[in-house]
C-alpha atoms as a PDB file:
ATOM      1  CA  MET A   1     309.340 129.342 270.136  1.00  0.00           C
ATOM      2  CA  ARG A   2     310.149 127.008 267.304  1.00  0.00           C
ATOM      3  CA  TYR A   3     313.507 128.936 266.623  1.00  0.00           C
ATOM      4  CA  LEU A   4     314.413 128.246 270.233  1.00  0.00           C
ATOM      5  CA  ALA A   5     313.577 124.501 269.859  1.00  0.00           C
ATOM      6  CA  TRP A   6     315.575 124.282 266.834  1.00  0.00           C
ATOM      7  CA  ALA A   7     318.660 126.057 268.453  1.00  0.00           C
ATOM      8  CA  ALA A   8     318.472 123.461 271.204  1.00  0.00           C
ATOM      9  CA  LEU A   9     318.991 120.857 268.411  1.00  0.00           C
ATOM     10  CA  ALA A  10     321.866 122.906 266.907  1.00  0.00           C
ATOM     11  CA  LEU A  11     324.663 121.119 268.793  1.00  0.00           C
ATOM     12  CA  ALA A  12     323.456 117.791 267.733  1.00  0.00           C
ATOM     13  CA  ALA A  13     323.021 118.842 264.113  1.00  0.00           C
ATOM     14  CA  CYS A  14     326.558 120.306 264.173  1.00  0.00           C
ATOM     15  CA  SER A  15     328.207 117.467 265.865  1.00  0.00           C
ATOM     16  CA  SER A  16     330.294 114.779 264.052  1.00  0.00           C
ATOM     17  CA  PRO A  17     328.227 111.801 263.124  1.00  0.00           C
ATOM     18  CA  ALA A  18     328.447 108.920 265.172  1.00  0.00           C
ATOM     19  CA  GLY A  19     331.439 106.714 264.859  1.00  0.00           C
ATOM     20  CA  THR A  20     333.742 109.308 263.265  1.00  0.00           C
ATOM     21  CA  GLN A  21     336.537 111.283 264.352  1.00  0.00           C
ATOM     22  CA  GLU A  22     337.337 115.051 263.967  1.00  0.00           C
ATOM     23  CA  SER A  23     339.811 115.324 261.136  1.00  0.00           C
ATOM     24  CA  ALA A  24     343.190 117.208 261.905  1.00  0.00           C
ATOM     25  CA  VAL A  25     342.700 119.320 258.899  1.00  0.00           C
ATOM     26  CA  PRO A  26     340.424 122.475 259.598  1.00  0.00           C
ATOM     27  CA  GLN A  27     336.909 122.232 258.388  1.00  0.00           C
ATOM     28  CA  LYS A  28     334.638 125.116 257.157  1.00  0.00           C
ATOM     29  CA  PRO A  29     332.092 125.901 259.709  1.00  0.00           C
ATOM     30  CA  ILE A  30     328.718 124.188 258.763  1.00  0.00           C
ATOM     31  CA  MET A  31     325.208 126.188 258.806  1.00  0.00           C
ATOM     32  CA  SER A  32     323.387 126.562 261.992  1.00  0.00           C
ATOM     33  CA  TRP A  33     319.712 127.063 262.149  1.00  0.00           C
ATOM     34  CA  GLY A  34     320.176 130.663 262.717  1.00  0.00           C
ATOM     35  CA  ASP A  35     322.000 130.832 259.509  1.00  0.00           C
ATOM     36  CA  LEU A  36     318.904 129.693 257.774  1.00  0.00           C
ATOM     37  CA  LEU A  37     315.963 130.936 259.647  1.00  0.00           C
ATOM     38  CA  GLY A  38     317.575 134.346 260.154  1.00  0.00           C
ATOM     39  CA  ARG A  39     317.338 135.114 256.325  1.00  0.00           C
ATOM     40  CA  ALA A  40     314.427 137.087 254.943  1.00  0.00           C
ATOM     41  CA  GLN A  41     311.761 134.696 254.503  1.00  0.00           C
ATOM     42  CA  PRO A  42     309.891 134.159 251.073  1.00  0.00           C
ATOM     43  CA  LYS A  43     306.091 133.620 251.223  1.00  0.00           C
ATOM     44  CA  PRO A  44     303.727 131.119 249.666  1.00  0.00           C
ATOM     45  CA  ASP A  45     301.064 132.194 247.100  1.00  0.00           C
ATOM     46  CA  ALA A  46     298.119 130.684 248.705  1.00  0.00           C
ATOM     47  CA  THR A  47     297.132 128.402 251.813  1.00  0.00           C
ATOM     48  CA  LEU A  48     294.466 125.736 251.546  1.00  0.00           C
ATOM     49  CA  ARG A  49     292.724 123.940 254.378  1.00  0.00           C
ATOM     50  CA  TYR A  50     292.232 119.981 254.436  1.00  0.00           C
ATOM     51  CA  GLY A  51     290.731 119.973 258.121  1.00  0.00           C
ATOM     52  CA  ALA A  52     289.396 121.903 260.945  1.00  0.00           C
ATOM     53  CA  ASP A  53     292.725 122.150 263.080  1.00  0.00           C
ATOM     54  CA  ALA A  54     294.828 125.333 262.708  1.00  0.00           C
ATOM     55  CA  LEU A  55     297.650 122.781 261.547  1.00  0.00           C
ATOM     56  CA  GLN A  56     295.720 121.018 259.097  1.00  0.00           C
ATOM     57  CA  VAL A  57     296.717 123.424 256.067  1.00  0.00           C
ATOM     58  CA  VAL A  58     298.907 123.341 253.022  1.00  0.00           C
ATOM     59  CA  ASP A  59     300.912 126.284 251.535  1.00  0.00           C
ATOM     60  CA  VAL A  60     301.029 126.497 247.650  1.00  0.00           C
ATOM     61  CA  TRP A  61     303.842 127.672 245.812  1.00  0.00           C
ATOM     62  CA  LYS A  62     303.027 128.795 242.120  1.00  0.00           C
ATOM     63  CA  PRO A  63     305.754 129.425 239.495  1.00  0.00           C
ATOM     64  CA  GLU A  64     304.855 132.429 237.263  1.00  0.00           C
ATOM     65  CA  GLY A  65     302.773 131.665 234.126  1.00  0.00           C
ATOM     66  CA  ALA A  66     299.609 130.026 233.546  1.00  0.00           C
ATOM     67  CA  GLY A  67     300.612 126.431 234.060  1.00  0.00           C
ATOM     68  CA  PRO A  68     300.107 123.826 234.672  1.00  0.00           C
ATOM     69  CA  HIS A  69     303.273 123.463 236.507  1.00  0.00           C
ATOM     70  CA  PRO A  70     305.086 120.271 237.684  1.00  0.00           C
ATOM     71  CA  ALA A  71     304.944 120.137 241.295  1.00  0.00           C
ATOM     72  CA  VAL A  72     306.251 118.353 244.391  1.00  0.00           C
ATOM     73  CA  ILE A  73     304.610 117.330 247.683  1.00  0.00           C
ATOM     74  CA  MET A  74     306.899 118.766 250.568  1.00  0.00           C
ATOM     75  CA  ILE A  75     306.983 117.553 254.125  1.00  0.00           C
ATOM     76  CA  HIS A  76     308.996 119.544 256.916  1.00  0.00           C
ATOM     77  CA  GLY A  77     310.719 117.878 259.597  1.00  0.00           C
ATOM     78  CA  GLY A  78     311.348 118.823 263.469  1.00  0.00           C
ATOM     79  CA  CYS A  79     311.436 115.591 265.383  1.00  0.00           C
ATOM     80  CA  TRP A  80     307.645 115.002 264.458  1.00  0.00           C
ATOM     81  CA  GLN A  81     307.074 117.930 266.971  1.00  0.00           C
ATOM     82  CA  THR A  82     304.897 120.871 266.214  1.00  0.00           C
ATOM     83  CA  SER A  83     307.015 122.961 268.899  1.00  0.00           C
ATOM     84  CA  VAL A  84     310.097 122.158 267.307  1.00  0.00           C
ATOM     85  CA  ALA A  85     309.387 123.295 263.633  1.00  0.00           C
ATOM     86  CA  GLY A  86     306.673 123.996 261.119  1.00  0.00           C
ATOM     87  CA  ARG A  87     306.297 124.100 257.348  1.00  0.00           C
ATOM     88  CA  ASP A  88     307.941 127.643 257.111  1.00  0.00           C
ATOM     89  CA  ILE A  89     311.434 126.211 257.755  1.00  0.00           C
ATOM     90  CA  MET A  90     310.761 124.702 254.025  1.00  0.00           C
ATOM     91  CA  ASN A  91     310.011 128.293 252.591  1.00  0.00           C
ATOM     92  CA  TRP A  92     313.478 128.886 251.155  1.00  0.00           C
ATOM     93  CA  ILE A  93     313.842 125.893 249.092  1.00  0.00           C
ATOM     94  CA  ALA A  94     309.992 126.094 248.082  1.00  0.00           C
ATOM     95  CA  ASP A  95     310.754 129.547 246.650  1.00  0.00           C
ATOM     96  CA  ASP A  96     313.912 128.111 244.874  1.00  0.00           C
ATOM     97  CA  LEU A  97     311.774 125.500 243.293  1.00  0.00           C
ATOM     98  CA  ARG A  98     309.058 128.083 242.327  1.00  0.00           C
ATOM     99  CA  SER A  99     311.741 130.023 240.617  1.00  0.00           C
ATOM    100  CA  HIS A 100     312.824 127.023 238.500  1.00  0.00           C
ATOM    101  CA  GLY A 101     309.314 126.390 237.490  1.00  0.00           C
ATOM    102  CA  ILE A 102     308.331 123.886 239.995  1.00  0.00           C
ATOM    103  CA  GLY A 103     305.192 124.157 242.103  1.00  0.00           C
ATOM    104  CA  VAL A 104     305.281 123.234 245.799  1.00  0.00           C
ATOM    105  CA  TRP A 105     302.518 121.713 247.950  1.00  0.00           C
ATOM    106  CA  ASN A 106     303.960 122.308 251.449  1.00  0.00           C
ATOM    107  CA  ILE A 107     302.118 120.270 253.889  1.00  0.00           C
ATOM    108  CA  GLU A 108     301.460 121.126 257.624  1.00  0.00           C
ATOM    109  CA  TYR A 109     300.452 118.575 260.202  1.00  0.00           C
ATOM    110  CA  ARG A 110     299.879 117.839 263.869  1.00  0.00           C
ATOM    111  CA  GLY A 111     302.929 116.665 265.529  1.00  0.00           C
ATOM    112  CA  VAL A 112     303.159 114.151 268.391  1.00  0.00           C
ATOM    113  CA  ASP A 113     302.734 117.208 270.918  1.00  0.00           C
ATOM    114  CA  ARG A 114     299.474 118.501 269.112  1.00  0.00           C
ATOM    115  CA  GLY A 115     297.241 115.473 268.830  1.00  0.00           C
ATOM    116  CA  GLY A 116     299.450 113.843 266.159  1.00  0.00           C
ATOM    117  CA  GLY A 117     301.587 110.936 266.460  1.00  0.00           C
ATOM    118  CA  TYR A 118     299.858 107.671 265.766  1.00  0.00           C
ATOM    119  CA  PRO A 119     297.451 107.795 263.958  1.00  0.00           C
ATOM    120  CA  GLY A 120     296.912 111.693 263.737  1.00  0.00           C
ATOM    121  CA  THR A 121     300.149 112.649 261.968  1.00  0.00           C
ATOM    122  CA  TYR A 122     299.631 110.010 259.268  1.00  0.00           C
ATOM    123  CA  GLU A 123     295.983 111.048 258.766  1.00  0.00           C
ATOM    124  CA  ASP A 124     297.176 114.571 258.330  1.00  0.00           C
ATOM    125  CA  VAL A 125     299.844 113.837 255.732  1.00  0.00           C
ATOM    126  CA  GLY A 126     297.627 111.455 253.915  1.00  0.00           C
ATOM    127  CA  ALA A 127     294.702 113.908 253.795  1.00  0.00           C
ATOM    128  CA  ALA A 128     296.830 116.688 252.589  1.00  0.00           C
ATOM    129  CA  ALA A 129     298.693 114.589 249.830  1.00  0.00           C
ATOM    130  CA  ASP A 130     295.345 113.244 248.553  1.00  0.00           C
ATOM    131  CA  LEU A 131     294.198 117.017 248.432  1.00  0.00           C
ATOM    132  CA  PHE A 132     296.973 117.435 245.967  1.00  0.00           C
ATOM    133  CA  ALA A 133     295.396 114.930 243.495  1.00  0.00           C
ATOM    134  CA  VAL A 134     292.151 116.630 243.772  1.00  0.00           C
ATOM    135  CA  GLU A 135     292.814 120.292 244.103  1.00  0.00           C
ATOM    136  CA  GLY A 136     296.413 120.610 242.424  1.00  0.00           C
ATOM    137  CA  THR A 137     295.124 121.367 239.053  1.00  0.00           C
ATOM    138  CA  LYS A 138     292.813 124.307 240.274  1.00  0.00           C
ATOM    139  CA  GLN A 139     296.054 125.863 241.757  1.00  0.00           C
ATOM    140  CA  GLY A 140     297.772 125.575 238.480  1.00  0.00           C
ATOM    141  CA  LEU A 141     299.829 122.556 239.191  1.00  0.00           C
ATOM    142  CA  ARG A 142     300.249 119.232 237.373  1.00  0.00           C
ATOM    143  CA  THR A 143     298.829 116.344 239.363  1.00  0.00           C
ATOM    144  CA  ASP A 144     299.067 113.532 236.594  1.00  0.00           C
ATOM    145  CA  GLY A 145     302.764 112.794 237.426  1.00  0.00           C
ATOM    146  CA  PRO A 146     305.386 112.289 237.998  1.00  0.00           C
ATOM    147  CA  ARG A 147     304.173 112.520 241.469  1.00  0.00           C
ATOM    148  CA  ILE A 148     307.044 113.490 243.808  1.00  0.00           C
ATOM    149  CA  ALA A 149     307.141 113.627 247.767  1.00  0.00           C
ATOM    150  CA  ILE A 150     310.247 115.327 249.374  1.00  0.00           C
ATOM    151  CA  GLY A 151     310.770 115.648 253.067  1.00  0.00           C
ATOM    152  CA  HIS A 152     313.557 116.620 255.635  1.00  0.00           C
ATOM    153  CA  SER A 153     314.614 114.847 258.657  1.00  0.00           C
ATOM    154  CA  ALA A 154     311.363 113.531 260.340  1.00  0.00           C
ATOM    155  CA  GLY A 155     309.726 114.561 257.103  1.00  0.00           C
ATOM    156  CA  GLY A 156     311.901 112.291 255.255  1.00  0.00           C
ATOM    157  CA  HIS A 157     310.362 109.398 257.169  1.00  0.00           C
ATOM    158  CA  LEU A 158     306.812 110.717 256.084  1.00  0.00           C
ATOM    159  CA  ALA A 159     307.928 111.123 252.657  1.00  0.00           C
ATOM    160  CA  LEU A 160     308.863 107.337 252.402  1.00  0.00           C
ATOM    161  CA  TRP A 161     305.734 106.593 254.429  1.00  0.00           C
ATOM    162  CA  LEU A 162     303.660 108.338 251.920  1.00  0.00           C
ATOM    163  CA  ALA A 163     305.161 106.346 249.094  1.00  0.00           C
ATOM    164  CA  ARG A 164     304.587 103.096 250.799  1.00  0.00           C
ATOM    165  CA  ARG A 165     300.994 104.042 251.925  1.00  0.00           C
ATOM    166  CA  PRO A 166     299.104 102.630 249.014  1.00  0.00           C
ATOM    167  CA  GLY A 167     300.544  99.182 249.903  1.00  0.00           C
ATOM    168  CA  LEU A 168     298.619  99.003 253.091  1.00  0.00           C
ATOM    169  CA  ALA A 169     295.555  96.801 253.184  1.00  0.00           C
ATOM    170  CA  ALA A 170     292.304  98.032 251.573  1.00  0.00           C
ATOM    171  CA  GLY A 171     290.147  99.465 254.279  1.00  0.00           C
ATOM    172  CA  ASP A 172     293.189 100.629 256.566  1.00  0.00           C
ATOM    173  CA  ALA A 173     292.331 103.858 257.812  1.00  0.00           C
ATOM    174  CA  LEU A 174     296.070 104.960 257.265  1.00  0.00           C
ATOM    175  CA  ARG A 175     295.736 104.004 253.733  1.00  0.00           C
ATOM    176  CA  GLY A 176     292.500 105.843 253.102  1.00  0.00           C
ATOM    177  CA  PRO A 177     290.049 104.890 250.034  1.00  0.00           C
ATOM    178  CA  HIS A 178     292.139 106.811 247.453  1.00  0.00           C
ATOM    179  CA  PRO A 179     295.930 107.216 248.487  1.00  0.00           C
ATOM    180  CA  VAL A 180     297.807 109.246 246.098  1.00  0.00           C
ATOM    181  CA  ARG A 181     300.409 107.505 244.295  1.00  0.00           C
ATOM    182  CA  ILE A 182     303.997 108.457 244.550  1.00  0.00           C
ATOM    183  CA  ASP A 183     306.358 108.018 241.877  1.00  0.00           C
ATOM    184  CA  LEU A 184     309.610 109.345 243.657  1.00  0.00           C
ATOM    185  CA  ALA A 185     310.156 109.715 247.415  1.00  0.00           C
ATOM    186  CA  ILE A 186     313.062 111.846 248.382  1.00  0.00           C
ATOM    187  CA  SER A 187     314.274 111.684 251.842  1.00  0.00           C
ATOM    188  CA  GLN A 188     316.494 114.810 253.060  1.00  0.00           C
ATOM    189  CA  GLY A 189     318.454 113.597 255.929  1.00  0.00           C
ATOM    190  CA  GLY A 190     315.592 111.488 256.898  1.00  0.00           C
ATOM    191  CA  LEU A 191     314.969 109.203 259.857  1.00  0.00           C
ATOM    192  CA  PRO A 192     313.055 106.328 258.264  1.00  0.00           C
ATOM    193  CA  ASP A 193     313.503 103.555 260.940  1.00  0.00           C
ATOM    194  CA  LEU A 194     311.005 104.278 263.942  1.00  0.00           C
ATOM    195  CA  ARG A 195     311.951 100.897 265.659  1.00  0.00           C
ATOM    196  CA  ALA A 196     315.590 102.113 265.794  1.00  0.00           C
ATOM    197  CA  GLY A 197     314.490 105.651 266.659  1.00  0.00           C
ATOM    198  CA  ALA A 198     312.486 104.323 269.645  1.00  0.00           C
ATOM    199  CA  ALA A 199     315.327 102.282 270.818  1.00  0.00           C
ATOM    200  CA  SER A 200     317.909 105.125 270.537  1.00  0.00           C
ATOM    201  CA  SER A 201     319.692 106.767 273.578  1.00  0.00           C
ATOM    202  CA  GLY A 202     321.009 110.277 273.291  1.00  0.00           C
ATOM    203  CA  HIS A 203     319.753 110.993 269.818  1.00  0.00           C
ATOM    204  CA  ALA A 204     318.708 114.763 269.111  1.00  0.00           C
ATOM    205  CA  CYS A 205     315.169 113.812 268.631  1.00  0.00           C
ATOM    206  CA  GLY A 206     314.834 111.490 271.568  1.00  0.00           C
ATOM    207  CA  SER A 207     313.162 108.226 271.504  1.00  0.00           C
ATOM    208  CA  ALA A 208     309.724 109.132 272.807  1.00  0.00           C
ATOM    209  CA  ALA A 209     308.581 110.978 269.653  1.00  0.00           C
ATOM    210  CA  PRO A 210     309.401 108.074 267.166  1.00  0.00           C
ATOM    211  CA  ALA A 211     307.659 105.680 269.549  1.00  0.00           C
ATOM    212  CA  ALA A 212     304.664 107.702 269.550  1.00  0.00           C
ATOM    213  CA  MET A 213     304.697 107.830 265.806  1.00  0.00           C
ATOM    214  CA  ALA A 214     304.920 104.137 265.560  1.00  0.00           C
ATOM    215  CA  GLY A 215     302.136 103.415 268.113  1.00  0.00           C
ATOM    216  CA  GLY A 216     303.720  99.900 268.412  1.00  0.00           C
ATOM    217  CA  ASP A 217     302.591  99.171 264.770  1.00  0.00           C
ATOM    218  CA  PHE A 218     305.818  99.411 262.734  1.00  0.00           C
ATOM    219  CA  ALA A 219     304.254  97.408 259.823  1.00  0.00           C
ATOM    220  CA  ARG A 220     301.984 100.326 259.094  1.00  0.00           C
ATOM    221  CA  THR A 221     304.229 103.089 260.266  1.00  0.00           C
ATOM    222  CA  SER A 222     307.946 102.461 259.573  1.00  0.00           C
ATOM    223  CA  PRO A 223     309.159 102.269 255.952  1.00  0.00           C
ATOM    224  CA  PRO A 224     311.663  99.429 256.614  1.00  0.00           C
ATOM    225  CA  GLU A 225     308.813  97.193 257.656  1.00  0.00           C
ATOM    226  CA  MET A 226     306.092  98.508 255.476  1.00  0.00           C
ATOM    227  CA  PRO A 227     305.045  96.552 252.120  1.00  0.00           C
ATOM    228  CA  LEU A 228     307.318  97.528 249.289  1.00  0.00           C
ATOM    229  CA  GLY A 229     305.952  99.645 246.656  1.00  0.00           C
ATOM    230  CA  PRO A 230     306.706 100.848 243.065  1.00  0.00           C
ATOM    231  CA  ALA A 231     307.913 104.323 243.935  1.00  0.00           C
ATOM    232  CA  ARG A 232     311.638 105.086 243.420  1.00  0.00           C
ATOM    233  CA  GLU A 233     313.322 106.132 246.729  1.00  0.00           C
ATOM    234  CA  LEU A 234     316.315 108.556 246.816  1.00  0.00           C
ATOM    235  CA  GLN A 235     318.091 109.536 250.151  1.00  0.00           C
ATOM    236  CA  PHE A 236     320.271 112.695 250.489  1.00  0.00           C
ATOM    237  CA  HIS A 237     322.643 112.780 253.445  1.00  0.00           C
ATOM    238  CA  ASN A 238     325.501 115.045 254.399  1.00  0.00           C
ATOM    239  CA  ASP A 239     328.780 113.605 256.135  1.00  0.00           C
ATOM    240  CA  ARG A 240     328.741 116.285 259.094  1.00  0.00           C
ATOM    241  CA  ASP A 241     324.999 115.866 259.873  1.00  0.00           C
ATOM    242  CA  GLY A 242     324.817 114.760 263.530  1.00  0.00           C
ATOM    243  CA  VAL A 243     321.166 114.314 263.302  1.00  0.00           C
ATOM    244  CA  ALA A 244     320.915 111.806 260.420  1.00  0.00           C
ATOM    245  CA  PRO A 245     324.522 110.856 259.226  1.00  0.00           C
ATOM    246  CA  PRO A 246     325.004 108.843 256.208  1.00  0.00           C
ATOM    247  CA  ASN A 247     325.062 105.451 258.210  1.00  0.00           C
ATOM    248  CA  VAL A 248     321.331 106.052 258.744  1.00  0.00           C
ATOM    249  CA  ALA A 249     320.725 106.067 254.990  1.00  0.00           C
ATOM    250  CA  ARG A 250     322.910 103.251 254.188  1.00  0.00           C
ATOM    251  CA  ALA A 251     321.250 101.131 257.004  1.00  0.00           C
ATOM    252  CA  TYR A 252     317.906 101.630 255.320  1.00  0.00           C
ATOM    253  CA  ALA A 253     319.344 100.952 251.779  1.00  0.00           C
ATOM    254  CA  ALA A 254     320.716  97.624 253.151  1.00  0.00           C
ATOM    255  CA  ALA A 255     317.322  96.799 254.824  1.00  0.00           C
ATOM    256  CA  MET A 256     315.662  97.419 251.433  1.00  0.00           C
ATOM    257  CA  ALA A 257     317.986  95.442 249.535  1.00  0.00           C
ATOM    258  CA  GLU A 258     317.387  92.431 251.777  1.00  0.00           C
ATOM    259  CA  ARG A 259     313.730  92.630 250.954  1.00  0.00           C
ATOM    260  CA  GLY A 260     314.396  93.000 247.184  1.00  0.00           C
ATOM    261  CA  GLY A 261     313.726  96.754 247.101  1.00  0.00           C
ATOM    262  CA  ALA A 262     316.195  99.643 246.599  1.00  0.00           C
ATOM    263  CA  ALA A 263     316.849 103.014 248.189  1.00  0.00           C
ATOM    264  CA  ASP A 264     319.614 105.113 246.623  1.00  0.00           C
ATOM    265  CA  VAL A 265     321.980 107.130 248.667  1.00  0.00           C
ATOM    266  CA  VAL A 266     323.636 110.388 247.557  1.00  0.00           C
ATOM    267  CA  THR A 267     326.239 111.777 250.019  1.00  0.00           C
ATOM    268  CA  THR A 268     327.617 115.389 250.097  1.00  0.00           C
ATOM    269  CA  GLY A 269     330.778 116.121 251.908  1.00  0.00           C
ATOM    270  CA  ASP A 270     331.454 119.052 254.487  1.00  0.00           C
ATOM    271  CA  GLU A 271     327.873 119.999 255.038  1.00  0.00           C
ATOM    272  CA  GLY A 272     325.373 119.353 257.818  1.00  0.00           C
ATOM    273  CA  HIS A 273     321.601 118.978 258.703  1.00  0.00           C
ATOM    274  CA  VAL A 274     320.603 122.588 257.930  1.00  0.00           C
ATOM    275  CA  GLU A 275     322.334 122.718 254.494  1.00  0.00           C
ATOM    276  CA  LEU A 276     319.914 119.968 253.136  1.00  0.00           C
ATOM    277  CA  ILE A 277     317.137 122.633 252.923  1.00  0.00           C
ATOM    278  CA  ALA A 278     319.261 125.845 252.193  1.00  0.00           C
ATOM    279  CA  PRO A 279     318.736 126.935 248.764  1.00  0.00           C
ATOM    280  CA  ASP A 280     322.490 127.786 248.306  1.00  0.00           C
ATOM    281  CA  SER A 281     323.950 124.573 249.449  1.00  0.00           C
ATOM    282  CA  VAL A 282     325.791 121.986 247.440  1.00  0.00           C
ATOM    283  CA  SER A 283     323.500 119.246 248.791  1.00  0.00           C
ATOM    284  CA  TRP A 284     320.298 121.366 247.694  1.00  0.00           C
ATOM    285  CA  GLY A 285     321.915 121.841 244.396  1.00  0.00           C
ATOM    286  CA  LYS A 286     322.079 117.983 243.957  1.00  0.00           C
ATOM    287  CA  GLN A 287     318.432 117.698 244.988  1.00  0.00           C
ATOM    288  CA  ARG A 288     317.270 120.280 242.670  1.00  0.00           C
ATOM    289  CA  ALA A 289     318.979 118.646 239.844  1.00  0.00           C
ATOM    290  CA  ALA A 290     317.524 115.430 240.729  1.00  0.00           C
ATOM    291  CA  LEU A 291     313.981 116.765 240.857  1.00  0.00           C
ATOM    292  CA  LEU A 292     314.324 118.862 237.391  1.00  0.00           C
ATOM    293  CA  LEU A 293     315.543 115.448 235.996  1.00  0.00           C
ATOM    294  CA  ALA A 294     312.628 113.487 237.429  1.00  0.00           C
ATOM    295  CA  LEU A 295     310.078 116.112 236.165  1.00  0.00           C
ATOM    296  CA  GLY A 296     311.605 116.120 232.625  1.00  0.00           C
ATOM    297  CA  MET A 297     312.939 119.693 233.170  1.00  0.00           C
ATOM    298  CA  ALA A 298     316.719 119.184 232.956  1.00  0.00           C
ATOM    299  CA  LYS A 299     318.447 121.108 230.265  1.00  0.00           C
END
């Protein structure tokens, strides 16, 4: 079911970014979802619960050895819809990080079509991330920092939201009493601007899902309008991504600059939306290098 839903988005993911023209020079084929999801899928080491719903779980990926291991909080995309994708689409890069000595806290959450949206998805992501701070050490992972959140597509929005969450007002239910501090938020072809998404026409994710995620309260849900925070924000985008082309990242970076913040952009040529979470892509190689550097593991 989820594979078919992703396949329905494949044309958008493989199309040229808005405002560009096809080059006369032949281009190599970019990856389709089948190219990634058709591979043998690696599996996590453990699965933990943070709630009663079947979707309120976290997969834990543990490198070999006693640890504690540096780790990242990972958030999948899928247009904020459970029917489109689940956490297992991140398994290949989670396994790649595990092989490089980095643990992964891969979050599942309720999408807008499964009791999520506003506020459910935020409650889930916040609770799952806060559980990392409490239970991560028991799983052999370092929780004292640097704390990194990384998310793909709609998950990129949630990674940025997680980094801004501590800036919400004390007593805010979305903030929670002890929100995990994020030092670095990485958006992989993310869609950070819910207001723009809700007003869009013809986008692969549609406008209903980002509107449901915003709940009309952009100041608490949409990173461009949320309080600025201390976390560094880094956006990775690919120039042949029809879901989240580089102009999405540039618009967010410009909005942040106007507010006195920063959101760096790294663009990779001749790759699309799928390559951002494919372990053998150029764009993922750049992301892995950034993670190793941020975690003090670069050689």
